[in-house]
Amino acid sequence: MTDELINQKCVPCEGGIPPFTPTQIIEFKKNLKTEWQVIDDKKLVKDFEFENFVAAVAFVNKIAELAETQGHHPNLNIHDYKYVTVELYTHKIGGLHVNDFILAAKIEAL
């Protein structure tokens, strides 16, 4: 399914739907290639380490371009000069949605 997620496009979420249940989160998380933390059944979080600050910033810029094409924007944090923390959740529903897993799969492929 990871390849299926990569080939999908995020669809705008207008709210009014429930966030993923813990069972749905477990099923979709199995389809990611790398380990993402699930925080309070509401957010996907992953830390990425790079060789230096410039590489970390380049990665953030790639995510920014990807997020714009998908219309789904993660929280990004560069810290300790070479680490990037990516936090995904769907703001309109206050939890996780298929878009978060689609974007996570696409980020893994960068």
Protein backbone atom coordinates (compact mmCIF):
# COMPACT_ATOMS: atom_id res chain seq x y z
CA MET A 1 0.00 0.00 0.00
CA THR A 2 2.96 2.36 0.43
CA ASP A 3 3.20 2.63 -3.35
CA GLU A 4 -0.54 3.20 -3.45
CA LEU A 5 -0.20 6.00 -0.89
CA ILE A 6 2.63 7.62 -2.86
CA ASN A 7 0.48 7.59 -6.00
CA GLN A 8 -2.51 9.20 -4.29
CA LYS A 9 -3.07 12.93 -3.95
CA CYS A 10 -4.26 14.58 -0.78
CA VAL A 11 -7.90 15.65 -1.00
CA PRO A 12 -8.93 18.78 0.88
CA CYS A 13 -10.63 17.92 4.14
CA GLU A 14 -13.47 20.28 4.98
CA GLY A 15 -14.03 18.83 8.44
CA GLY A 16 -17.25 17.23 9.57
CA ILE A 17 -15.70 13.75 9.53
CA PRO A 18 -14.19 11.88 12.43
CA PRO A 19 -10.44 11.46 12.68
CA PHE A 20 -8.99 7.99 12.24
CA THR A 21 -9.61 5.50 15.02
CA PRO A 22 -6.66 3.77 16.71
CA THR A 23 -7.38 0.68 14.58
CA GLN A 24 -7.27 2.69 11.35
CA ILE A 25 -4.05 4.38 12.47
CA ILE A 26 -2.38 1.00 13.10
CA GLU A 27 -3.45 -0.31 9.68
CA PHE A 28 -2.27 2.75 7.75
CA LYS A 29 0.97 3.04 9.78
CA LYS A 30 1.91 -0.50 8.70
CA ASN A 31 2.14 0.83 5.15
CA LEU A 32 4.82 3.40 5.85
CA LYS A 33 8.39 2.36 5.08
CA THR A 34 9.92 3.91 8.20
CA GLU A 35 8.86 4.28 11.81
CA TRP A 36 6.67 7.26 12.64
CA GLN A 37 5.53 7.99 16.18
CA VAL A 38 1.83 8.33 16.82
CA ILE A 39 1.15 10.95 19.49
CA ASP A 40 -2.14 10.69 21.40
CA ASP A 41 -3.77 8.99 18.38
CA LYS A 42 -3.80 12.47 16.79
CA LYS A 43 -0.43 13.15 15.18
CA LEU A 44 2.27 11.40 13.16
CA VAL A 45 5.76 12.57 14.09
CA LYS A 46 9.17 11.66 12.73
CA ASP A 47 12.68 12.99 13.27
CA PHE A 48 15.12 13.04 10.37
CA GLU A 49 18.87 13.51 10.82
CA PHE A 50 21.13 15.11 8.22
CA GLU A 51 24.83 15.67 7.77
CA ASN A 52 24.56 19.42 8.38
CA PHE A 53 22.28 22.44 8.59
CA VAL A 54 22.28 23.09 4.84
CA ALA A 55 21.06 19.54 4.15
CA ALA A 56 18.35 19.90 6.81
CA VAL A 57 17.12 23.15 5.26
CA ALA A 58 17.15 21.60 1.78
CA PHE A 59 14.95 18.77 3.06
CA VAL A 60 12.52 21.27 4.62
CA ASN A 61 12.36 23.11 1.29
CA LYS A 62 11.57 19.85 -0.54
CA ILE A 63 8.78 19.14 1.94
CA ALA A 64 7.45 22.68 1.48
CA GLU A 65 7.24 22.22 -2.29
CA LEU A 66 5.58 18.82 -1.87
CA ALA A 67 3.12 20.17 0.70
CA GLU A 68 2.09 22.96 -1.65
CA THR A 69 1.37 20.51 -4.48
CA GLN A 70 -0.67 18.35 -2.10
CA GLY A 71 -2.50 21.19 -0.36
CA HIS A 72 -1.61 19.58 2.98
CA HIS A 73 0.92 21.30 5.21
CA PRO A 74 2.90 19.69 8.03
CA ASN A 75 4.51 21.37 10.98
CA LEU A 76 8.28 21.46 10.44
CA ASN A 77 10.97 22.14 12.99
CA ILE A 78 14.72 22.37 12.38
CA HIS A 79 16.60 21.87 15.63
CA ASP A 80 20.08 21.09 16.89
CA TYR A 81 21.30 22.31 13.47
CA LYS A 82 20.92 19.00 11.61
CA TYR A 83 17.60 17.51 12.71
CA VAL A 84 14.17 18.04 11.21
CA THR A 85 11.00 17.05 13.03
CA VAL A 86 7.95 16.55 10.83
CA GLU A 87 4.53 16.59 12.48
CA LEU A 88 1.46 15.60 10.48
CA TYR A 89 -2.20 15.85 11.38
CA THR A 90 -5.34 17.21 9.80
CA HIS A 91 -6.14 20.49 11.50
CA LYS A 92 -9.81 20.60 10.45
CA ILE A 93 -10.62 17.36 12.28
CA GLY A 94 -8.04 17.56 15.06
CA GLY A 95 -6.55 14.18 14.26
CA LEU A 96 -5.28 11.84 11.58
CA HIS A 97 -6.77 11.33 8.12
CA VAL A 98 -5.63 9.47 5.01
CA ASN A 99 -3.96 12.70 3.81
CA ASP A 100 -1.47 12.49 6.67
CA PHE A 101 -0.39 9.00 5.63
CA ILE A 102 -0.24 9.98 1.96
CA LEU A 103 2.04 12.90 2.78
CA ALA A 104 4.15 10.76 5.16
CA ALA A 105 4.71 8.21 2.37
CA LYS A 106 5.66 10.97 -0.07
CA ILE A 107 8.06 12.52 2.46
CA GLU A 108 9.71 9.14 2.96
CA ALA A 109 10.33 9.01 -0.79
CA LEU A 110 12.16 12.37 -0.91
